Amino acid sequence: MEGFKEKRMHERVPYSAPLQFTILFMQSSELKRVDSNGEIIDTSLSGLGIRTEFPLEAGHIVEWEDQHQKGNLHIAMVRWSQRLDNHYRVGLKFV
C-alpha cells in the first residue's frame, strides 16, 4: 500500500504455541489476578500476537512462565485488543 508506514519496530514472525497466562488489572481500586489461556500466533523481539477468549483490554498486564526455561517469568502489557467473533486478537509488548 503506497504511503503506508509500518509502526512496528521489529518484524512479526508467524508462530504457533499454546499460552497459559495470568492477567493483572485494577477493578474498583483492587488489584485482580485472573488465569486464562490462549494461543501465540506471532512473535517479534518486542512482543507477541495472541488469540484468546478472555476480553483483554489495553493497559492490562499479562505474565506467563517461559516454556523452555522454567522459573523465567515473562511480563507484557496489552497494547491493543480487537474482538473477532468468539475470540480476541491481542497485541502484547514486553516490559
PDB file of N, CA and C in Angstrom:
ATOM      1  N   MET A   1       0.844  -1.165   0.000  1.00  0.00           N
ATOM      2  CA  MET A   1       0.000   0.000   0.000  1.00  0.00           C
ATOM      3  C   MET A   1       0.897   1.237   0.000  1.00  0.00           C
ATOM      4  N   GLU A   2       0.753   2.087  -0.985  1.00  0.00           N
ATOM      5  CA  GLU A   2       1.584   3.276  -1.107  1.00  0.00           C
ATOM      6  C   GLU A   2       1.278   4.275   0.006  1.00  0.00           C
ATOM      7  N   GLY A   3       2.316   4.855   0.578  1.00  0.00           N
ATOM      8  CA  GLY A   3       2.128   5.851   1.625  1.00  0.00           C
ATOM      9  C   GLY A   3       1.948   5.256   3.012  1.00  0.00           C
ATOM     10  N   PHE A   4       1.870   3.924   3.112  1.00  0.00           N
ATOM     11  CA  PHE A   4       1.694   3.271   4.409  1.00  0.00           C
ATOM     12  C   PHE A   4       3.040   3.106   5.075  1.00  0.00           C
ATOM     13  N   LYS A   5       3.137   3.528   6.343  1.00  0.00           N
ATOM     14  CA  LYS A   5       4.380   3.372   7.095  1.00  0.00           C
ATOM     15  C   LYS A   5       4.121   2.435   8.262  1.00  0.00           C
ATOM     16  N   GLU A   6       4.856   1.351   8.314  1.00  0.00           N
ATOM     17  CA  GLU A   6       4.731   0.372   9.385  1.00  0.00           C
ATOM     18  C   GLU A   6       5.191   1.006  10.688  1.00  0.00           C
ATOM     19  N   LYS A   7       4.379   0.882  11.759  1.00  0.00           N
ATOM     20  CA  LYS A   7       4.703   1.459  13.060  1.00  0.00           C
ATOM     21  C   LYS A   7       5.583   0.540  13.900  1.00  0.00           C
ATOM     22  N   ARG A   8       5.612  -0.719  13.569  1.00  0.00           N
ATOM     23  CA  ARG A   8       6.351  -1.677  14.382  1.00  0.00           C
ATOM     24  C   ARG A   8       7.861  -1.507  14.233  1.00  0.00           C
ATOM     25  N   MET A   9       8.543  -1.669  15.363  1.00  0.00           N
ATOM     26  CA  MET A   9       9.997  -1.570  15.354  1.00  0.00           C
ATOM     27  C   MET A   9      10.642  -2.864  14.869  1.00  0.00           C
ATOM     28  N   HIS A  10       9.953  -3.999  15.111  1.00  0.00           N
ATOM     29  CA  HIS A  10      10.514  -5.302  14.774  1.00  0.00           C
ATOM     30  C   HIS A  10       9.521  -6.111  13.949  1.00  0.00           C
ATOM     31  N   GLU A  11      10.056  -6.895  13.029  1.00  0.00           N
ATOM     32  CA  GLU A  11       9.231  -7.708  12.150  1.00  0.00           C
ATOM     33  C   GLU A  11       8.516  -8.818  12.925  1.00  0.00           C
ATOM     34  N   ARG A  12       7.250  -9.047  12.591  1.00  0.00           N
ATOM     35  CA  ARG A  12       6.494 -10.161  13.165  1.00  0.00           C
ATOM     36  C   ARG A  12       6.883 -11.449  12.446  1.00  0.00           C
ATOM     37  N   VAL A  13       6.968 -12.524  13.217  1.00  0.00           N
ATOM     38  CA  VAL A  13       7.260 -13.835  12.659  1.00  0.00           C
ATOM     39  C   VAL A  13       6.126 -14.764  13.073  1.00  0.00           C
ATOM     40  N   PRO A  14       5.485 -15.452  12.127  1.00  0.00           N
ATOM     41  CA  PRO A  14       4.409 -16.378  12.498  1.00  0.00           C
ATOM     42  C   PRO A  14       4.923 -17.428  13.486  1.00  0.00           C
ATOM     43  N   TYR A  15       4.088 -17.770  14.446  1.00  0.00           N
ATOM     44  CA  TYR A  15       4.466 -18.720  15.497  1.00  0.00           C
ATOM     45  C   TYR A  15       3.173 -19.326  16.018  1.00  0.00           C
ATOM     46  N   SER A  16       3.210 -20.567  16.419  1.00  0.00           N
ATOM     47  CA  SER A  16       2.008 -21.203  16.959  1.00  0.00           C
ATOM     48  C   SER A  16       2.371 -22.018  18.190  1.00  0.00           C
ATOM     49  N   ALA A  17       1.785 -21.636  19.328  1.00  0.00           N
ATOM     50  CA  ALA A  17       2.029 -22.363  20.574  1.00  0.00           C
ATOM     51  C   ALA A  17       0.934 -21.991  21.568  1.00  0.00           C
ATOM     52  N   PRO A  18       0.529 -22.944  22.404  1.00  0.00           N
ATOM     53  CA  PRO A  18      -0.440 -22.610  23.456  1.00  0.00           C
ATOM     54  C   PRO A  18       0.208 -21.680  24.475  1.00  0.00           C
ATOM     55  N   LEU A  19      -0.619 -20.882  25.149  1.00  0.00           N
ATOM     56  CA  LEU A  19      -0.109 -19.938  26.143  1.00  0.00           C
ATOM     57  C   LEU A  19      -1.052 -19.917  27.342  1.00  0.00           C
ATOM     58  N   GLN A  20      -0.520 -20.232  28.507  1.00  0.00           N
ATOM     59  CA  GLN A  20      -1.264 -20.082  29.763  1.00  0.00           C
ATOM     60  C   GLN A  20      -0.691 -18.856  30.449  1.00  0.00           C
ATOM     61  N   PHE A  21      -1.577 -17.922  30.837  1.00  0.00           N
ATOM     62  CA  PHE A  21      -1.091 -16.650  31.371  1.00  0.00           C
ATOM     63  C   PHE A  21      -1.986 -16.159  32.503  1.00  0.00           C
ATOM     64  N   THR A  22      -1.472 -15.167  33.232  1.00  0.00           N
ATOM     65  CA  THR A  22      -2.212 -14.501  34.294  1.00  0.00           C
ATOM     66  C   THR A  22      -2.362 -13.041  33.910  1.00  0.00           C
ATOM     67  N   ILE A  23      -3.573 -12.515  34.060  1.00  0.00           N
ATOM     68  CA  ILE A  23      -3.857 -11.119  33.758  1.00  0.00           C
ATOM     69  C   ILE A  23      -3.907 -10.359  35.070  1.00  0.00           C
ATOM     70  N   LEU A  24      -3.246  -9.206  35.130  1.00  0.00           N
ATOM     71  CA  LEU A  24      -3.262  -8.333  36.298  1.00  0.00           C
ATOM     72  C   LEU A  24      -3.931  -7.030  35.882  1.00  0.00           C
ATOM     73  N   PHE A  25      -4.979  -6.625  36.610  1.00  0.00           N
ATOM     74  CA  PHE A  25      -5.659  -5.378  36.280  1.00  0.00           C
ATOM     75  C   PHE A  25      -6.366  -4.837  37.512  1.00  0.00           C
ATOM     76  N   MET A  26      -6.654  -3.536  37.482  1.00  0.00           N
ATOM     77  CA  MET A  26      -7.343  -2.886  38.588  1.00  0.00           C
ATOM     78  C   MET A  26      -8.845  -2.916  38.332  1.00  0.00           C
ATOM     79  N   GLN A  27      -9.601  -3.229  39.386  1.00  0.00           N
ATOM     80  CA  GLN A  27     -11.062  -3.192  39.313  1.00  0.00           C
ATOM     81  C   GLN A  27     -11.572  -2.656  40.638  1.00  0.00           C
ATOM     82  N   SER A  28     -12.249  -1.515  40.579  1.00  0.00           N
ATOM     83  CA  SER A  28     -12.755  -0.859  41.792  1.00  0.00           C
ATOM     84  C   SER A  28     -11.652  -0.685  42.824  1.00  0.00           C
ATOM     85  N   SER A  29     -10.530  -0.119  42.413  1.00  0.00           N
ATOM     86  CA  SER A  29      -9.345   0.142  43.238  1.00  0.00           C
ATOM     87  C   SER A  29      -8.774  -1.105  43.902  1.00  0.00           C
ATOM     88  N   GLU A  30      -9.026  -2.266  43.324  1.00  0.00           N
ATOM     89  CA  GLU A  30      -8.492  -3.527  43.836  1.00  0.00           C
ATOM     90  C   GLU A  30      -7.750  -4.246  42.708  1.00  0.00           C
ATOM     91  N   LEU A  31      -6.544  -4.762  43.008  1.00  0.00           N
ATOM     92  CA  LEU A  31      -5.771  -5.499  42.015  1.00  0.00           C
ATOM     93  C   LEU A  31      -6.369  -6.890  41.847  1.00  0.00           C
ATOM     94  N   LYS A  32      -6.716  -7.243  40.617  1.00  0.00           N
ATOM     95  CA  LYS A  32      -7.285  -8.557  40.307  1.00  0.00           C
ATOM     96  C   LYS A  32      -6.261  -9.382  39.547  1.00  0.00           C
ATOM     97  N   ARG A  33      -6.285 -10.698  39.796  1.00  0.00           N
ATOM     98  CA  ARG A  33      -5.455 -11.665  39.075  1.00  0.00           C
ATOM     99  C   ARG A  33      -6.390 -12.724  38.515  1.00  0.00           C
ATOM    100  N   VAL A  34      -6.325 -12.944  37.213  1.00  0.00           N
ATOM    101  CA  VAL A  34      -7.172 -13.937  36.569  1.00  0.00           C
ATOM    102  C   VAL A  34      -6.295 -14.819  35.695  1.00  0.00           C
ATOM    103  N   ASP A  35      -6.422 -16.138  35.847  1.00  0.00           N
ATOM    104  CA  ASP A  35      -5.693 -17.081  34.992  1.00  0.00           C
ATOM    105  C   ASP A  35      -6.517 -17.364  33.746  1.00  0.00           C
ATOM    106  N   SER A  36      -5.844 -17.430  32.608  1.00  0.00           N
ATOM    107  CA  SER A  36      -6.527 -17.698  31.351  1.00  0.00           C
ATOM    108  C   SER A  36      -5.559 -18.392  30.406  1.00  0.00           C
ATOM    109  N   ASN A  37      -6.011 -18.628  29.190  1.00  0.00           N
ATOM    110  CA  ASN A  37      -5.141 -19.249  28.197  1.00  0.00           C
ATOM    111  C   ASN A  37      -5.503 -18.744  26.812  1.00  0.00           C
ATOM    112  N   GLY A  38      -4.635 -19.051  25.879  1.00  0.00           N
ATOM    113  CA  GLY A  38      -4.828 -18.646  24.502  1.00  0.00           C
ATOM    114  C   GLY A  38      -3.790 -19.305  23.633  1.00  0.00           C
ATOM    115  N   GLU A  39      -3.512 -18.669  22.515  1.00  0.00           N
ATOM    116  CA  GLU A  39      -2.544 -19.207  21.569  1.00  0.00           C
ATOM    117  C   GLU A  39      -1.686 -18.070  21.036  1.00  0.00           C
ATOM    118  N   ILE A  40      -0.367 -18.289  21.037  1.00  0.00           N
ATOM    119  CA  ILE A  40       0.548 -17.336  20.412  1.00  0.00           C
ATOM    120  C   ILE A  40       0.406 -17.521  18.906  1.00  0.00           C
ATOM    121  N   ILE A  41       0.222 -16.417  18.165  1.00  0.00           N
ATOM    122  CA  ILE A  41       0.094 -16.536  16.715  1.00  0.00           C
ATOM    123  C   ILE A  41       1.231 -15.856  15.953  1.00  0.00           C
ATOM    124  N   ASP A  42       1.926 -14.932  16.618  1.00  0.00           N
ATOM    125  CA  ASP A  42       3.143 -14.372  16.026  1.00  0.00           C
ATOM    126  C   ASP A  42       3.998 -13.785  17.131  1.00  0.00           C
ATOM    127  N   THR A  43       5.266 -13.567  16.813  1.00  0.00           N
ATOM    128  CA  THR A  43       6.211 -13.065  17.797  1.00  0.00           C
ATOM    129  C   THR A  43       7.179 -12.087  17.134  1.00  0.00           C
ATOM    130  N   SER A  44       7.776 -11.227  17.929  1.00  0.00           N
ATOM    131  CA  SER A  44       8.829 -10.324  17.472  1.00  0.00           C
ATOM    132  C   SER A  44       9.752 -10.079  18.660  1.00  0.00           C
ATOM    133  N   LEU A  45      10.805  -9.318  18.450  1.00  0.00           N
ATOM    134  CA  LEU A  45      11.722  -9.009  19.546  1.00  0.00           C
ATOM    135  C   LEU A  45      11.057  -8.171  20.623  1.00  0.00           C
ATOM    136  N   SER A  46       9.988  -7.442  20.274  1.00  0.00           N
ATOM    137  CA  SER A  46       9.371  -6.543  21.246  1.00  0.00           C
ATOM    138  C   SER A  46       8.027  -7.016  21.783  1.00  0.00           C
ATOM    139  N   GLY A  47       7.489  -8.139  21.266  1.00  0.00           N
ATOM    140  CA  GLY A  47       6.200  -8.577  21.785  1.00  0.00           C
ATOM    141  C   GLY A  47       5.642  -9.804  21.103  1.00  0.00           C
ATOM    142  N   LEU A  48       4.366 -10.063  21.397  1.00  0.00           N
ATOM    143  CA  LEU A  48       3.661 -11.225  20.864  1.00  0.00           C
ATOM    144  C   LEU A  48       2.304 -10.812  20.335  1.00  0.00           C
ATOM    145  N   GLY A  49       1.812 -11.577  19.400  1.00  0.00           N
ATOM    146  CA  GLY A  49       0.422 -11.503  18.997  1.00  0.00           C
ATOM    147  C   GLY A  49      -0.246 -12.772  19.499  1.00  0.00           C
ATOM    148  N   ILE A  50      -1.386 -12.645  20.184  1.00  0.00           N
ATOM    149  CA  ILE A  50      -2.066 -13.826  20.701  1.00  0.00           C
ATOM    150  C   ILE A  50      -3.542 -13.796  20.325  1.00  0.00           C
ATOM    151  N   ARG A  51      -4.158 -14.966  20.467  1.00  0.00           N
ATOM    152  CA  ARG A  51      -5.600 -15.117  20.306  1.00  0.00           C
ATOM    153  C   ARG A  51      -6.098 -15.730  21.615  1.00  0.00           C
ATOM    154  N   THR A  52      -7.167 -15.162  22.185  1.00  0.00           N
ATOM    155  CA  THR A  52      -7.711 -15.641  23.455  1.00  0.00           C
ATOM    156  C   THR A  52      -9.202 -15.351  23.523  1.00  0.00           C
ATOM    157  N   GLU A  53      -9.900 -16.078  24.367  1.00  0.00           N
ATOM    158  CA  GLU A  53     -11.319 -15.811  24.589  1.00  0.00           C
ATOM    159  C   GLU A  53     -11.527 -14.807  25.720  1.00  0.00           C
ATOM    160  N   PHE A  54     -10.485 -14.527  26.514  1.00  0.00           N
ATOM    161  CA  PHE A  54     -10.590 -13.571  27.614  1.00  0.00           C
ATOM    162  C   PHE A  54     -10.593 -12.148  27.040  1.00  0.00           C
ATOM    163  N   PRO A  55     -11.499 -11.283  27.498  1.00  0.00           N
ATOM    164  CA  PRO A  55     -11.594  -9.920  26.961  1.00  0.00           C
ATOM    165  C   PRO A  55     -10.488  -8.991  27.479  1.00  0.00           C
ATOM    166  N   LEU A  56      -9.263  -9.214  26.999  1.00  0.00           N
ATOM    167  CA  LEU A  56      -8.150  -8.345  27.390  1.00  0.00           C
ATOM    168  C   LEU A  56      -8.371  -6.940  26.867  1.00  0.00           C
ATOM    169  N   GLU A  57      -7.875  -5.961  27.625  1.00  0.00           N
ATOM    170  CA  GLU A  57      -8.003  -4.554  27.240  1.00  0.00           C
ATOM    171  C   GLU A  57      -6.636  -3.888  27.299  1.00  0.00           C
ATOM    172  N   ALA A  58      -6.458  -2.848  26.498  1.00  0.00           N
ATOM    173  CA  ALA A  58      -5.211  -2.084  26.513  1.00  0.00           C
ATOM    174  C   ALA A  58      -4.911  -1.642  27.947  1.00  0.00           C
ATOM    175  N   GLY A  59      -3.657  -1.844  28.362  1.00  0.00           N
ATOM    176  CA  GLY A  59      -3.239  -1.482  29.714  1.00  0.00           C
ATOM    177  C   GLY A  59      -3.171  -2.654  30.676  1.00  0.00           C
ATOM    178  N   HIS A  60      -3.883  -3.752  30.378  1.00  0.00           N
ATOM    179  CA  HIS A  60      -3.772  -4.942  31.230  1.00  0.00           C
ATOM    180  C   HIS A  60      -2.333  -5.453  31.179  1.00  0.00           C
ATOM    181  N   ILE A  61      -1.889  -6.010  32.289  1.00  0.00           N
ATOM    182  CA  ILE A  61      -0.571  -6.633  32.365  1.00  0.00           C
ATOM    183  C   ILE A  61      -0.767  -8.144  32.306  1.00  0.00           C
ATOM    184  N   VAL A  62       0.054  -8.795  31.501  1.00  0.00           N
ATOM    185  CA  VAL A  62      -0.038 -10.246  31.312  1.00  0.00           C
ATOM    186  C   VAL A  62       1.313 -10.844  31.682  1.00  0.00           C
ATOM    187  N   GLU A  63       1.287 -11.941  32.451  1.00  0.00           N
ATOM    188  CA  GLU A  63       2.542 -12.627  32.800  1.00  0.00           C
ATOM    189  C   GLU A  63       2.384 -14.113  32.551  1.00  0.00           C
ATOM    190  N   TRP A  64       3.497 -14.749  32.170  1.00  0.00           N
ATOM    191  CA  TRP A  64       3.489 -16.188  31.928  1.00  0.00           C
ATOM    192  C   TRP A  64       4.899 -16.738  32.118  1.00  0.00           C
ATOM    193  N   GLU A  65       4.951 -18.033  32.394  1.00  0.00           N
ATOM    194  CA  GLU A  65       6.228 -18.699  32.617  1.00  0.00           C
ATOM    195  C   GLU A  65       6.780 -19.187  31.284  1.00  0.00           C
ATOM    196  N   ASP A  66       8.087 -19.037  31.098  1.00  0.00           N
ATOM    197  CA  ASP A  66       8.749 -19.498  29.887  1.00  0.00           C
ATOM    198  C   ASP A  66       8.623 -21.007  29.767  1.00  0.00           C
ATOM    199  N   GLN A  67       8.201 -21.498  28.608  1.00  0.00           N
ATOM    200  CA  GLN A  67       8.023 -22.937  28.397  1.00  0.00           C
ATOM    201  C   GLN A  67       9.353 -23.674  28.327  1.00  0.00           C
ATOM    202  N   HIS A  68      10.424 -22.953  27.958  1.00  0.00           N
ATOM    203  CA  HIS A  68      11.717 -23.594  27.756  1.00  0.00           C
ATOM    204  C   HIS A  68      12.669 -23.423  28.933  1.00  0.00           C
ATOM    205  N   GLN A  69      12.459 -22.371  29.735  1.00  0.00           N
ATOM    206  CA  GLN A  69      13.334 -22.103  30.874  1.00  0.00           C
ATOM    207  C   GLN A  69      12.465 -21.933  32.110  1.00  0.00           C
ATOM    208  N   LYS A  70      12.197 -23.008  32.804  1.00  0.00           N
ATOM    209  CA  LYS A  70      11.329 -22.973  33.983  1.00  0.00           C
ATOM    210  C   LYS A  70      11.857 -21.962  34.997  1.00  0.00           C
ATOM    211  N   GLY A  71      10.936 -21.213  35.578  1.00  0.00           N
ATOM    212  CA  GLY A  71      11.295 -20.191  36.555  1.00  0.00           C
ATOM    213  C   GLY A  71      11.526 -18.825  35.936  1.00  0.00           C
ATOM    214  N   ASN A  72      11.601 -18.753  34.604  1.00  0.00           N
ATOM    215  CA  ASN A  72      11.787 -17.479  33.913  1.00  0.00           C
ATOM    216  C   ASN A  72      10.413 -16.913  33.585  1.00  0.00           C
ATOM    217  N   LEU A  73      10.058 -15.778  34.178  1.00  0.00           N
ATOM    218  CA  LEU A  73       8.744 -15.177  34.020  1.00  0.00           C
ATOM    219  C   LEU A  73       8.785 -14.074  32.963  1.00  0.00           C
ATOM    220  N   HIS A  74       7.817 -14.076  32.048  1.00  0.00           N
ATOM    221  CA  HIS A  74       7.684 -13.021  31.040  1.00  0.00           C
ATOM    222  C   HIS A  74       6.548 -12.095  31.446  1.00  0.00           C
ATOM    223  N   ILE A  75       6.719 -10.813  31.192  1.00  0.00           N
ATOM    224  CA  ILE A  75       5.688  -9.823  31.501  1.00  0.00           C
ATOM    225  C   ILE A  75       5.511  -8.937  30.278  1.00  0.00           C
ATOM    226  N   ALA A  76       4.240  -8.675  29.931  1.00  0.00           N
ATOM    227  CA  ALA A  76       3.939  -7.815  28.788  1.00  0.00           C
ATOM    228  C   ALA A  76       2.705  -6.979  29.105  1.00  0.00           C
ATOM    229  N   MET A  77       2.558  -5.876  28.374  1.00  0.00           N
ATOM    230  CA  MET A  77       1.385  -5.036  28.517  1.00  0.00           C
ATOM    231  C   MET A  77       0.551  -5.153  27.247  1.00  0.00           C
ATOM    232  N   VAL A  78      -0.761  -5.202  27.424  1.00  0.00           N
ATOM    233  CA  VAL A  78      -1.656  -5.231  26.278  1.00  0.00           C
ATOM    234  C   VAL A  78      -1.622  -3.849  25.621  1.00  0.00           C
ATOM    235  N   ARG A  79      -1.202  -3.803  24.361  1.00  0.00           N
ATOM    236  CA  ARG A  79      -1.148  -2.544  23.605  1.00  0.00           C
ATOM    237  C   ARG A  79      -2.463  -2.292  22.882  1.00  0.00           C
ATOM    238  N   TRP A  80      -3.090  -3.380  22.382  1.00  0.00           N
ATOM    239  CA  TRP A  80      -4.367  -3.270  21.683  1.00  0.00           C
ATOM    240  C   TRP A  80      -5.075  -4.616  21.728  1.00  0.00           C
ATOM    241  N   SER A  81      -6.378  -4.565  21.570  1.00  0.00           N
ATOM    242  CA  SER A  81      -7.202  -5.769  21.577  1.00  0.00           C
ATOM    243  C   SER A  81      -8.364  -5.555  20.624  1.00  0.00           C
ATOM    244  N   GLN A  82      -8.653  -6.570  19.829  1.00  0.00           N
ATOM    245  CA  GLN A  82      -9.737  -6.475  18.858  1.00  0.00           C
ATOM    246  C   GLN A  82     -10.612  -7.718  18.962  1.00  0.00           C
ATOM    247  N   ARG A  83     -11.905  -7.506  19.154  1.00  0.00           N
ATOM    248  CA  ARG A  83     -12.834  -8.634  19.228  1.00  0.00           C
ATOM    249  C   ARG A  83     -13.141  -9.137  17.821  1.00  0.00           C
ATOM    250  N   LEU A  84     -13.020 -10.449  17.637  1.00  0.00           N
ATOM    251  CA  LEU A  84     -13.313 -11.096  16.362  1.00  0.00           C
ATOM    252  C   LEU A  84     -14.179 -12.322  16.644  1.00  0.00           C
ATOM    253  N   ASP A  85     -15.459 -12.248  16.302  1.00  0.00           N
ATOM    254  CA  ASP A  85     -16.395 -13.352  16.553  1.00  0.00           C
ATOM    255  C   ASP A  85     -16.353 -13.770  18.023  1.00  0.00           C
ATOM    256  N   ASN A  86     -15.840 -14.987  18.313  1.00  0.00           N
ATOM    257  CA  ASN A  86     -15.869 -15.503  19.677  1.00  0.00           C
ATOM    258  C   ASN A  86     -14.505 -15.446  20.373  1.00  0.00           C
ATOM    259  N   HIS A  87     -13.567 -14.640  19.856  1.00  0.00           N
ATOM    260  CA  HIS A  87     -12.256 -14.515  20.496  1.00  0.00           C
ATOM    261  C   HIS A  87     -11.730 -13.098  20.312  1.00  0.00           C
ATOM    262  N   TYR A  88     -10.565 -12.848  20.915  1.00  0.00           N
ATOM    263  CA  TYR A  88      -9.895 -11.554  20.809  1.00  0.00           C
ATOM    264  C   TYR A  88      -8.530 -11.759  20.190  1.00  0.00           C
ATOM    265  N   ARG A  89      -8.159 -10.860  19.309  1.00  0.00           N
ATOM    266  CA  ARG A  89      -6.812 -10.798  18.744  1.00  0.00           C
ATOM    267  C   ARG A  89      -6.132  -9.684  19.509  1.00  0.00           C
ATOM    268  N   VAL A  90      -4.966  -9.991  20.118  1.00  0.00           N
ATOM    269  CA  VAL A  90      -4.350  -9.067  21.077  1.00  0.00           C
ATOM    270  C   VAL A  90      -2.865  -8.868  20.743  1.00  0.00           C
ATOM    271  N   GLY A  91      -2.415  -7.621  20.871  1.00  0.00           N
ATOM    272  CA  GLY A  91      -1.007  -7.297  20.724  1.00  0.00           C
ATOM    273  C   GLY A  91      -0.395  -7.028  22.084  1.00  0.00           C
ATOM    274  N   LEU A  92       0.670  -7.757  22.411  1.00  0.00           N
ATOM    275  CA  LEU A  92       1.366  -7.603  23.700  1.00  0.00           C
ATOM    276  C   LEU A  92       2.753  -7.026  23.464  1.00  0.00           C
ATOM    277  N   LYS A  93       3.160  -6.097  24.316  1.00  0.00           N
ATOM    278  CA  LYS A  93       4.505  -5.522  24.252  1.00  0.00           C
ATOM    279  C   LYS A  93       5.244  -5.910  25.526  1.00  0.00           C
ATOM    280  N   PHE A  94       6.423  -6.518  25.355  1.00  0.00           N
ATOM    281  CA  PHE A  94       7.229  -6.923  26.512  1.00  0.00           C
ATOM    282  C   PHE A  94       7.600  -5.698  27.351  1.00  0.00           C
ATOM    283  N   VAL A  95       7.594  -5.878  28.695  1.00  0.00           N
ATOM    284  CA  VAL A  95       8.034  -4.814  29.587  1.00  0.00           C
ATOM    285  C   VAL A  95       9.195  -5.297  30.419  1.00  0.00           C
TER     286      VAL A  95
END
